[in-house]
Amino acid sequence: MTKTLTFAILHFTVAFSVAYLLTGSIAISSTVALVEPIVNTVAFFFHEKAWQRFESKRRLKQDMAQQHTDHQTAATCCVHHQLFVGAQEAGEAVKNNTPNPMPAKIV
């Protein structure tokens, strides 16, 4: 809490000093130093809301891309399995001198 308090005092002092150097008015400088943190807090609130929406959309896109990759991997494994089974059946047919069986269907 002490760190927060000292930062608030520092922030007020910097805002007051900059406003006073620009305007030469204690009244305007005091007003700026008091109003600026309030405006900043409201702006930060809306920034956080927008950032959460952005992150949510980014995560959704990543999840969809991962699901697509998983689906492609599963499909590739299925094709490789079908080709392997078909090759095994063809090898057995050659080994037994029987006609080549129908190749396995590729899904």
Protein backbone atom coordinates (compact mmCIF):
# COMPACT_ATOMS: atom_id res chain seq x y z
CA MET A 1 0.00 0.00 0.00
CA THR A 2 2.89 2.35 0.73
CA LYS A 3 4.26 1.87 -2.77
CA THR A 4 0.84 2.71 -4.28
CA LEU A 5 0.55 5.82 -2.13
CA THR A 6 4.03 7.06 -3.00
CA PHE A 7 3.35 6.44 -6.71
CA ALA A 8 0.10 8.44 -6.48
CA ILE A 9 1.99 11.34 -4.90
CA LEU A 10 4.68 11.11 -7.57
CA HIS A 11 2.06 11.00 -10.32
CA PHE A 12 0.25 14.06 -8.91
CA THR A 13 3.54 15.94 -8.57
CA VAL A 14 4.62 15.21 -12.15
CA ALA A 15 1.18 16.09 -13.59
CA PHE A 16 1.04 19.31 -11.57
CA SER A 17 4.60 20.30 -12.52
CA VAL A 18 4.12 19.69 -16.25
CA ALA A 19 0.78 21.55 -16.29
CA TYR A 20 2.27 24.44 -14.29
CA LEU A 21 5.26 24.71 -16.63
CA LEU A 22 2.89 24.81 -19.62
CA THR A 23 0.28 27.19 -18.18
CA GLY A 24 1.86 29.07 -15.27
CA SER A 25 -1.45 28.68 -13.41
CA ILE A 26 -1.67 26.92 -10.05
CA ALA A 27 -5.46 26.50 -10.43
CA ILE A 28 -5.23 24.86 -13.86
CA SER A 29 -2.25 22.75 -12.81
CA SER A 30 -4.10 21.49 -9.72
CA THR A 31 -7.20 20.68 -11.77
CA VAL A 32 -5.17 18.79 -14.36
CA ALA A 33 -3.29 16.88 -11.67
CA LEU A 34 -6.58 15.80 -10.05
CA VAL A 35 -8.65 15.12 -13.19
CA GLU A 36 -6.02 13.30 -15.25
CA PRO A 37 -5.83 10.18 -13.01
CA ILE A 38 -9.64 9.90 -13.03
CA VAL A 39 -9.77 10.10 -16.82
CA ASN A 40 -6.87 7.64 -17.04
CA THR A 41 -8.73 5.16 -14.80
CA VAL A 42 -11.85 5.29 -16.98
CA ALA A 43 -9.75 4.94 -20.14
CA PHE A 44 -7.95 1.97 -18.59
CA PHE A 45 -11.30 0.27 -17.82
CA PHE A 46 -12.42 0.50 -21.46
CA HIS A 47 -8.96 -0.53 -22.67
CA GLU A 48 -9.19 -3.70 -20.53
CA LYS A 49 -12.65 -4.52 -21.93
CA ALA A 50 -11.40 -4.11 -25.51
CA TRP A 51 -8.27 -6.14 -24.74
CA GLN A 52 -10.32 -9.00 -23.25
CA ARG A 53 -12.47 -9.09 -26.41
CA PHE A 54 -9.35 -9.13 -28.59
CA GLU A 55 -7.76 -11.94 -26.55
CA SER A 56 -10.98 -13.95 -26.61
CA LYS A 57 -11.17 -13.75 -30.42
CA ARG A 58 -7.48 -14.63 -30.74
CA ARG A 59 -7.92 -17.71 -28.50
CA LEU A 60 -10.97 -18.79 -30.49
CA LYS A 61 -8.99 -18.58 -33.75
CA GLN A 62 -6.15 -20.60 -32.22
CA ASP A 63 -8.57 -23.25 -30.95
CA MET A 64 -10.23 -23.51 -34.37
CA ALA A 65 -6.84 -23.83 -36.08
CA GLN A 66 -5.80 -26.54 -33.61
CA GLN A 67 -9.05 -28.47 -34.20
CA HIS A 68 -8.45 -28.24 -37.96
CA THR A 69 -4.90 -29.56 -37.51
CA ASP A 70 -6.17 -32.39 -35.27
CA HIS A 71 -8.78 -33.32 -37.89
CA GLN A 72 -6.17 -33.35 -40.66
CA THR A 73 -3.87 -35.52 -38.55
CA ALA A 74 -6.66 -37.99 -37.83
CA ALA A 75 -7.62 -38.13 -41.53
CA THR A 76 -3.99 -38.69 -42.55
CA CYS A 77 -3.64 -41.53 -40.04
CA CYS A 78 -6.82 -43.13 -41.39
CA VAL A 79 -5.53 -42.96 -44.97
CA HIS A 80 -2.15 -44.41 -43.95
CA HIS A 81 -3.89 -47.22 -42.09
CA GLN A 82 -6.05 -48.03 -45.11
CA LEU A 83 -3.02 -48.03 -47.39
CA PHE A 84 -1.11 -50.26 -44.97
CA VAL A 85 -4.02 -52.74 -44.71
CA GLY A 86 -4.36 -52.74 -48.50
CA ALA A 87 -0.63 -53.39 -48.91
CA GLN A 88 -0.77 -56.23 -46.40
CA GLU A 89 -3.69 -57.85 -48.24
CA ALA A 90 -1.90 -57.50 -51.58
CA GLY A 91 1.26 -59.01 -50.08
CA GLU A 92 -0.70 -61.97 -48.71
CA ALA A 93 -2.30 -62.52 -52.14
CA VAL A 94 1.11 -62.60 -53.84
CA LYS A 95 2.50 -64.90 -51.18
CA ASN A 96 -0.44 -67.33 -51.55
CA ASN A 97 -0.58 -67.04 -55.37
CA THR A 98 -4.19 -65.88 -55.21
CA PRO A 99 -5.71 -63.07 -57.26
CA ASN A 100 -5.12 -59.61 -55.94
CA PRO A 101 -7.98 -58.71 -53.60
CA MET A 102 -9.80 -55.43 -54.05
CA PRO A 103 -7.72 -52.57 -52.69
CA ALA A 104 -8.90 -51.10 -49.43
CA LYS A 105 -11.17 -48.08 -49.78
CA ILE A 106 -9.57 -44.81 -48.84
CA VAL A 107 -11.85 -42.72 -46.68
